[in-house]
């Protein structure tokens, strides 16, 4: 179930919409599209963390969710400040729409779980989600960003999110 969802998220991030399908420069996502995809990815993890704060049983999982909430809110705040400074309007696109839809479906699925089952499912989802987002940042979004400040923010976010992936993997190992 989680592998399927991870593959779906990875496919959505990497392949959804014409903006991310081709290899030519004309097909690369624009900075406003990249800003919206990155912001959407942050909001998705913020919402998942809020759900985990309410439903998680394990202290480790609750602490992890608090870290996700704090860090993703901080990065999204920086992203909003940057787009305001650059006078750029983030542009909704097929990728951000697909991410939002899949995240909504995943939150509904997780909402049906409780206790240890929720904890394991949430953390497994966080591992898969961070792998997919980190891969998209490395291979698509950072290389496609034109603005140096946007690229720098994405690179900083990638370092933070790689740490999140490692943290999620550690928590997952502890739950087994």
Protein backbone atom coordinates (compact mmCIF):
# COMPACT_ATOMS: atom_id res chain seq x y z
CA UNK A 1 0.00 0.00 0.00
CA UNK A 2 2.72 2.50 0.97
CA UNK A 3 5.00 1.50 -1.88
CA UNK A 4 2.13 2.04 -4.29
CA UNK A 5 1.45 5.47 -2.80
CA UNK A 6 5.14 6.39 -2.88
CA UNK A 7 5.29 5.42 -6.53
CA UNK A 8 2.15 7.45 -7.21
CA UNK A 9 3.57 10.53 -5.50
CA UNK A 10 6.88 10.14 -7.29
CA UNK A 11 5.05 9.79 -10.58
CA UNK A 12 2.91 12.81 -9.83
CA UNK A 13 5.89 14.93 -8.90
CA UNK A 14 8.07 13.81 -11.77
CA UNK A 15 5.60 13.16 -14.55
CA UNK A 16 2.34 15.01 -13.99
CA UNK A 17 1.43 17.60 -16.46
CA UNK A 18 3.34 18.83 -19.45
CA UNK A 19 5.51 21.04 -17.25
CA UNK A 20 7.54 18.08 -15.99
CA UNK A 21 7.26 15.52 -18.79
CA UNK A 22 9.75 16.59 -21.41
CA UNK A 23 13.49 16.95 -21.38
CA UNK A 24 13.71 20.12 -23.43
CA UNK A 25 14.19 23.52 -21.85
CA UNK A 26 10.77 24.60 -23.11
CA UNK A 27 9.14 21.82 -21.10
CA UNK A 28 10.80 22.62 -17.77
CA UNK A 29 8.53 24.01 -15.05
CA UNK A 30 8.69 27.75 -14.65
CA UNK A 31 9.77 29.41 -11.41
CA UNK A 32 6.14 30.29 -10.49
CA UNK A 33 5.15 26.64 -11.07
CA UNK A 34 8.14 25.39 -9.07
CA UNK A 35 7.26 27.76 -6.22
CA UNK A 36 3.71 26.41 -6.16
CA UNK A 37 4.81 22.75 -6.29
CA UNK A 38 7.30 23.27 -3.46
CA UNK A 39 4.81 25.20 -1.34
CA UNK A 40 2.11 22.58 -1.96
CA UNK A 41 4.50 19.80 -0.92
CA UNK A 42 5.14 21.68 2.33
CA UNK A 43 1.44 22.20 3.02
CA UNK A 44 0.84 18.49 2.47
CA UNK A 45 3.37 17.58 5.13
CA UNK A 46 2.04 20.27 7.48
CA UNK A 47 -1.45 18.77 7.21
CA UNK A 48 -0.10 15.25 7.75
CA UNK A 49 1.81 16.44 10.84
CA UNK A 50 -1.30 18.09 12.26
CA UNK A 51 -3.20 14.85 11.78
CA UNK A 52 -0.41 12.90 13.48
CA UNK A 53 -0.36 15.30 16.42
CA UNK A 54 -4.01 14.43 17.04
CA UNK A 55 -3.89 10.68 16.31
CA UNK A 56 -0.41 9.39 17.12
CA UNK A 57 0.06 7.20 20.16
CA UNK A 58 3.86 6.96 20.30
CA UNK A 59 5.82 9.80 21.89
CA UNK A 60 8.46 9.43 19.15
CA UNK A 61 5.85 9.78 16.43
CA UNK A 62 4.30 12.82 18.11
CA UNK A 63 7.75 14.43 18.46
CA UNK A 64 8.51 13.66 14.82
CA UNK A 65 5.20 15.26 13.76
CA UNK A 66 6.05 18.36 15.80
CA UNK A 67 9.39 18.60 13.98
CA UNK A 68 7.66 18.23 10.60
CA UNK A 69 5.13 20.92 11.45
CA UNK A 70 7.76 23.38 12.69
CA UNK A 71 10.21 22.84 9.84
CA UNK A 72 7.71 22.80 6.98
CA UNK A 73 5.92 25.88 8.29
CA UNK A 74 9.28 27.69 8.53
CA UNK A 75 10.30 26.74 4.98
CA UNK A 76 6.89 27.70 3.59
CA UNK A 77 7.12 31.04 5.42
CA UNK A 78 10.49 31.65 3.75
CA UNK A 79 9.04 30.64 0.40
CA UNK A 80 6.14 33.09 0.77
CA UNK A 81 8.53 35.87 1.74
CA UNK A 82 10.69 35.13 -1.29
CA UNK A 83 7.85 35.12 -3.82
CA UNK A 84 6.60 38.38 -2.30
CA UNK A 85 10.09 39.91 -2.51
CA UNK A 86 10.47 38.77 -6.12
CA UNK A 87 6.92 39.85 -6.95
CA UNK A 88 6.16 36.36 -8.30
CA UNK A 89 2.72 34.79 -8.13
CA UNK A 90 2.97 31.02 -7.59
CA UNK A 91 1.22 29.26 -10.44
CA UNK A 92 -1.05 26.30 -9.80
CA UNK A 93 -0.34 23.46 -12.20
CA UNK A 94 -1.15 19.82 -12.89
CA UNK A 95 1.60 18.58 -10.57
CA UNK A 96 0.51 20.62 -7.56
CA UNK A 97 -3.13 19.65 -8.19
CA UNK A 98 -2.25 15.95 -8.39
CA UNK A 99 -0.18 16.20 -5.20
CA UNK A 100 -3.06 17.86 -3.35
CA UNK A 101 -5.56 15.24 -4.51
CA UNK A 102 -3.31 12.31 -3.55
CA UNK A 103 -2.53 13.88 -0.19
CA UNK A 104 -6.22 14.36 0.56
CA UNK A 105 -6.84 10.70 -0.26
CA UNK A 106 -3.92 9.62 1.95
CA UNK A 107 -5.12 11.74 4.90
CA UNK A 108 -8.55 10.12 4.60
CA UNK A 109 -6.94 6.67 4.54
CA UNK A 110 -4.78 7.43 7.59
CA UNK A 111 -7.77 8.91 9.42
CA UNK A 112 -9.36 5.45 9.48
CA UNK A 113 -6.42 4.08 11.49
CA UNK A 114 -5.63 4.45 15.18
CA UNK A 115 -2.99 3.55 17.72
CA UNK A 116 0.10 1.66 16.59
CA UNK A 117 -1.41 1.05 13.14
CA UNK A 118 -1.72 4.81 12.59
CA UNK A 119 1.79 5.47 13.91
CA UNK A 120 3.37 2.91 11.57
CA UNK A 121 1.33 4.04 8.57
CA UNK A 122 2.04 7.74 9.17
CA UNK A 123 5.79 7.20 9.53
CA UNK A 124 5.96 4.85 6.53
CA UNK A 125 4.11 7.50 4.54
CA UNK A 126 6.58 10.17 5.70
CA UNK A 127 9.54 8.03 4.58
CA UNK A 128 7.99 7.46 1.15
CA UNK A 129 6.85 11.07 0.77
CA UNK A 130 10.23 12.56 1.67
CA UNK A 131 12.01 10.16 -0.70
CA UNK A 132 9.71 11.23 -3.54
CA UNK A 133 9.92 14.96 -2.80
CA UNK A 134 13.69 14.86 -2.30
CA UNK A 135 14.08 13.05 -5.61
CA UNK A 136 11.94 15.62 -7.38
CA UNK A 137 13.88 18.48 -5.81
CA UNK A 138 17.20 16.99 -6.91
CA UNK A 139 16.28 15.92 -10.42
CA UNK A 140 13.56 18.33 -11.53
CA UNK A 141 12.82 21.38 -9.41
CA UNK A 142 16.30 22.63 -8.45
CA UNK A 143 17.79 22.09 -11.93
CA UNK A 144 14.76 23.80 -13.51
CA UNK A 145 14.75 26.87 -11.24
CA UNK A 146 15.99 29.99 -13.01
CA UNK A 147 16.07 32.43 -10.10
CA UNK A 148 19.17 32.05 -7.91
CA UNK A 149 17.28 32.86 -4.69
CA UNK A 150 14.57 30.31 -5.46
CA UNK A 151 17.21 27.71 -6.32
CA UNK A 152 19.03 28.47 -3.04
CA UNK A 153 15.82 28.11 -1.00
CA UNK A 154 15.07 24.80 -2.71
CA UNK A 155 18.62 23.57 -1.99
CA UNK A 156 18.25 24.56 1.68
CA UNK A 157 14.88 22.83 1.78
CA UNK A 158 16.40 19.70 0.25
CA UNK A 159 19.01 19.50 3.02
CA UNK A 160 16.31 19.87 5.67
CA UNK A 161 14.04 17.32 3.99
CA UNK A 162 16.86 14.80 3.59
CA UNK A 163 17.23 15.06 7.35
CA UNK A 164 13.49 14.50 7.69
CA UNK A 165 13.74 11.36 5.59
CA UNK A 166 16.54 10.02 7.80
CA UNK A 167 14.57 10.91 10.93
CA UNK A 168 11.45 9.19 9.56
CA UNK A 169 13.49 6.09 8.69
CA UNK A 170 14.88 6.03 12.24
CA UNK A 171 11.41 6.35 13.80
CA UNK A 172 10.07 3.66 11.45
CA UNK A 173 12.83 1.29 12.54
CA UNK A 174 11.99 1.96 16.20
CA UNK A 175 8.31 1.13 15.63
CA UNK A 176 8.97 -2.35 14.25
